Amino acid sequence: MFFKFLILIGLIENISTTMLDEIDLRILRLLQAKSDLTTKELANKVNLSTTPVFERVKKLEKGGYIKNYIAVLDAEKLNKGLMVFCNVTLKEHTREIGTQFVTDILKLKEVVECYNISGDYDFFLKILVSDMKEYQNFVLDHLGSIKNIGSAHSTFVMGEIKNSYAVPI
């Protein structure tokens, strides 16, 4: 069976195993819903002054609970409205080949998510392109040139029902 990989970007920091209290969880829920809240706005919502809220947010960031703050863009408006899920199987299953596949995938801007999975396939890719022609070119020019891909099975999204980045806490 394939050696499973953890795909890590950036430095790994020791995450504190200290239990989060209810205020920390409220702060996380609020920031998940609206990451651009100011410290003052957060403080008002959790009934604390700004200094302890600022310190709690910094603690949550340093502890790795908050990975990043991002703007979620509308792919349709940016002409990247065709979402494709692609299941990939590798021909051979060695650490070296798996690592090279991950390195190659990380270079492809069209691949916005990549997961190492168990089951019939080795990797699950989420790809954003403008249309079928662009996807065909992506497969022929980029995905198809990656060594050791045994098979790639594509599924095209007809409509998005639910899309959430929120962790249920």
Protein backbone atom coordinates (compact mmCIF):
# COMPACT_ATOMS: atom_id res chain seq x y z
CA MET A 1 0.00 0.00 0.00
CA PHE A 2 1.05 3.56 -0.59
CA PHE A 3 3.02 5.41 2.07
CA LYS A 4 0.72 8.21 3.11
CA PHE A 5 2.11 11.72 3.18
CA LEU A 6 1.35 14.76 5.26
CA ILE A 7 1.49 17.80 3.02
CA LEU A 8 2.89 20.63 5.08
CA ILE A 9 3.48 24.18 3.90
CA GLY A 10 5.52 26.48 6.10
CA LEU A 11 7.15 25.87 9.42
CA ILE A 12 5.71 23.51 11.98
CA GLU A 13 5.34 25.09 15.39
CA ASN A 14 4.66 23.28 18.63
CA ILE A 15 0.96 23.59 19.19
CA SER A 16 0.05 24.09 22.82
CA THR A 17 -2.04 21.31 24.25
CA THR A 18 -3.58 23.73 26.72
CA MET A 19 -7.33 23.45 26.67
CA LEU A 20 -9.16 26.36 25.13
CA ASP A 21 -11.74 28.06 27.29
CA GLU A 22 -15.17 29.21 26.14
CA ILE A 23 -13.92 32.73 25.36
CA ASP A 24 -11.17 31.34 23.10
CA LEU A 25 -13.76 29.22 21.31
CA ARG A 26 -16.07 32.22 20.89
CA ILE A 27 -13.19 34.24 19.44
CA LEU A 28 -12.42 31.41 17.00
CA ARG A 29 -16.08 31.13 15.95
CA LEU A 30 -16.32 34.88 15.40
CA LEU A 31 -13.10 35.04 13.37
CA GLN A 32 -14.17 32.03 11.30
CA ALA A 33 -17.34 33.85 10.34
CA LYS A 34 -15.66 37.22 9.72
CA SER A 35 -11.87 37.26 9.86
CA ASP A 36 -11.55 41.03 9.43
CA LEU A 37 -13.13 41.87 12.78
CA THR A 38 -11.03 44.39 14.67
CA THR A 39 -9.78 43.67 18.16
CA LYS A 40 -12.26 46.25 19.46
CA GLU A 41 -15.18 44.54 17.67
CA LEU A 42 -14.10 41.14 19.01
CA ALA A 43 -13.76 42.56 22.51
CA ASN A 44 -17.30 43.95 22.39
CA LYS A 45 -18.69 40.60 21.23
CA VAL A 46 -16.95 38.58 23.99
CA ASN A 47 -17.42 41.22 26.72
CA LEU A 48 -13.72 41.80 27.41
CA SER A 49 -11.43 44.78 26.96
CA THR A 50 -9.20 44.97 23.90
CA THR A 51 -5.89 44.04 25.58
CA PRO A 52 -6.90 40.54 26.77
CA VAL A 53 -8.63 39.86 23.44
CA PHE A 54 -5.52 40.94 21.54
CA GLU A 55 -3.40 38.64 23.76
CA ARG A 56 -5.81 35.73 23.27
CA VAL A 57 -5.79 36.14 19.48
CA LYS A 58 -1.97 36.23 19.48
CA LYS A 59 -1.93 33.09 21.67
CA LEU A 60 -4.32 31.34 19.25
CA GLU A 61 -2.15 32.36 16.28
CA LYS A 62 1.09 31.28 17.96
CA GLY A 63 -0.51 28.01 19.07
CA GLY A 64 -1.45 27.21 15.48
CA TYR A 65 -5.21 27.36 16.01
CA ILE A 66 -5.42 30.25 13.55
CA LYS A 67 -3.43 29.38 10.43
CA ASN A 68 -4.15 32.35 8.22
CA TYR A 69 -6.50 35.21 7.40
CA ILE A 70 -7.75 35.19 3.81
CA ALA A 71 -10.22 36.82 1.47
CA VAL A 72 -12.51 34.26 -0.18
CA LEU A 73 -12.81 35.20 -3.85
CA ASP A 74 -15.62 34.50 -6.30
CA ALA A 75 -14.13 32.10 -8.86
CA GLU A 76 -16.98 32.70 -11.33
CA LYS A 77 -16.33 36.45 -11.42
CA LEU A 78 -12.63 35.76 -11.97
CA ASN A 79 -13.36 33.44 -14.92
CA LYS A 80 -12.39 30.29 -13.02
CA GLY A 81 -15.88 28.89 -12.68
CA LEU A 82 -15.30 25.28 -13.73
CA MET A 83 -14.48 23.20 -10.66
CA VAL A 84 -13.08 19.73 -11.26
CA PHE A 85 -12.37 16.99 -8.76
CA CYS A 86 -9.68 14.65 -10.01
CA ASN A 87 -8.80 11.32 -8.41
CA VAL A 88 -5.23 10.30 -9.17
CA THR A 89 -3.57 6.90 -8.83
CA LEU A 90 0.20 6.55 -9.08
CA LYS A 91 1.82 3.72 -11.04
CA GLU A 92 4.33 2.99 -8.31
CA HIS A 93 4.16 3.59 -4.59
CA THR A 94 7.46 4.64 -3.11
CA ARG A 95 8.23 7.58 -0.85
CA GLU A 96 10.43 9.14 -3.54
CA ILE A 97 7.75 8.93 -6.23
CA GLY A 98 5.05 10.22 -3.87
CA THR A 99 7.24 13.13 -2.79
CA GLN A 100 7.99 14.02 -6.41
CA PHE A 101 4.28 13.95 -7.26
CA VAL A 102 3.53 16.33 -4.37
CA THR A 103 6.36 18.64 -5.48
CA ASP A 104 4.98 18.71 -9.03
CA ILE A 105 1.38 19.32 -7.91
CA LEU A 106 2.38 22.23 -5.66
CA LYS A 107 3.68 24.04 -8.76
CA LEU A 108 0.30 23.93 -10.56
CA LYS A 109 -1.76 27.06 -9.84
CA GLU A 110 -4.93 25.40 -11.17
CA VAL A 111 -4.76 22.83 -8.34
CA VAL A 112 -6.18 24.70 -5.37
CA GLU A 113 -6.42 21.71 -3.02
CA CYS A 114 -4.64 18.36 -2.90
CA TYR A 115 -5.26 15.53 -0.46
CA ASN A 116 -3.46 12.23 0.03
CA ILE A 117 -6.28 9.71 0.46
CA SER A 118 -6.89 6.03 1.14
CA GLY A 119 -8.98 3.70 -0.98
CA ASP A 120 -8.93 3.15 -4.73
CA TYR A 121 -7.03 6.39 -5.40
CA ASP A 122 -3.90 7.95 -3.95
CA PHE A 123 -4.64 11.67 -4.32
CA PHE A 124 -7.71 13.87 -4.62
CA LEU A 125 -7.26 17.19 -6.44
CA LYS A 126 -9.56 20.19 -6.59
CA ILE A 127 -8.91 22.13 -9.77
CA LEU A 128 -10.28 25.51 -10.88
CA VAL A 129 -10.24 26.51 -14.55
CA SER A 130 -12.35 28.70 -16.82
CA ASP A 131 -13.89 26.04 -19.07
CA MET A 132 -13.54 22.56 -20.59
CA LYS A 133 -10.96 23.74 -23.13
CA GLU A 134 -8.73 25.10 -20.37
CA TYR A 135 -9.15 21.85 -18.42
CA GLN A 136 -8.22 19.81 -21.48
CA ASN A 137 -5.08 21.93 -21.92
CA PHE A 138 -4.30 21.58 -18.22
CA VAL A 139 -4.53 17.79 -18.44
CA LEU A 140 -2.49 17.55 -21.64
CA ASP A 141 0.16 20.17 -20.81
CA HIS A 142 0.54 19.86 -17.05
CA LEU A 143 -1.11 16.93 -15.31
CA GLY A 144 -0.26 14.55 -18.14
CA SER A 145 3.41 15.48 -17.96
CA ILE A 146 3.79 14.42 -14.31
CA LYS A 147 5.69 11.16 -14.17
CA ASN A 148 4.21 8.06 -12.59
CA ILE A 149 0.52 8.95 -12.82
CA GLY A 150 -1.24 5.68 -13.50
CA SER A 151 -4.73 7.08 -13.88
CA ALA A 152 -6.68 10.28 -13.40
CA HIS A 153 -10.47 10.30 -13.13
CA SER A 154 -12.23 13.65 -13.39
CA THR A 155 -15.60 14.69 -11.97
CA PHE A 156 -17.07 18.03 -13.01
CA VAL A 157 -19.08 20.10 -10.54
CA MET A 158 -22.49 21.06 -11.91
CA GLY A 159 -23.53 23.14 -8.92
CA GLU A 160 -22.19 24.02 -5.51
CA ILE A 161 -24.56 23.19 -2.66
CA LYS A 162 -22.40 23.93 0.39
CA ASN A 163 -18.92 25.38 0.65
CA SER A 164 -17.59 26.21 4.09
CA TYR A 165 -14.11 26.64 5.45
CA ALA A 166 -15.41 26.66 9.00
CA VAL A 167 -14.24 24.00 11.44
CA PRO A 168 -17.25 22.86 13.50
CA ILE A 169 -16.40 24.02 17.03
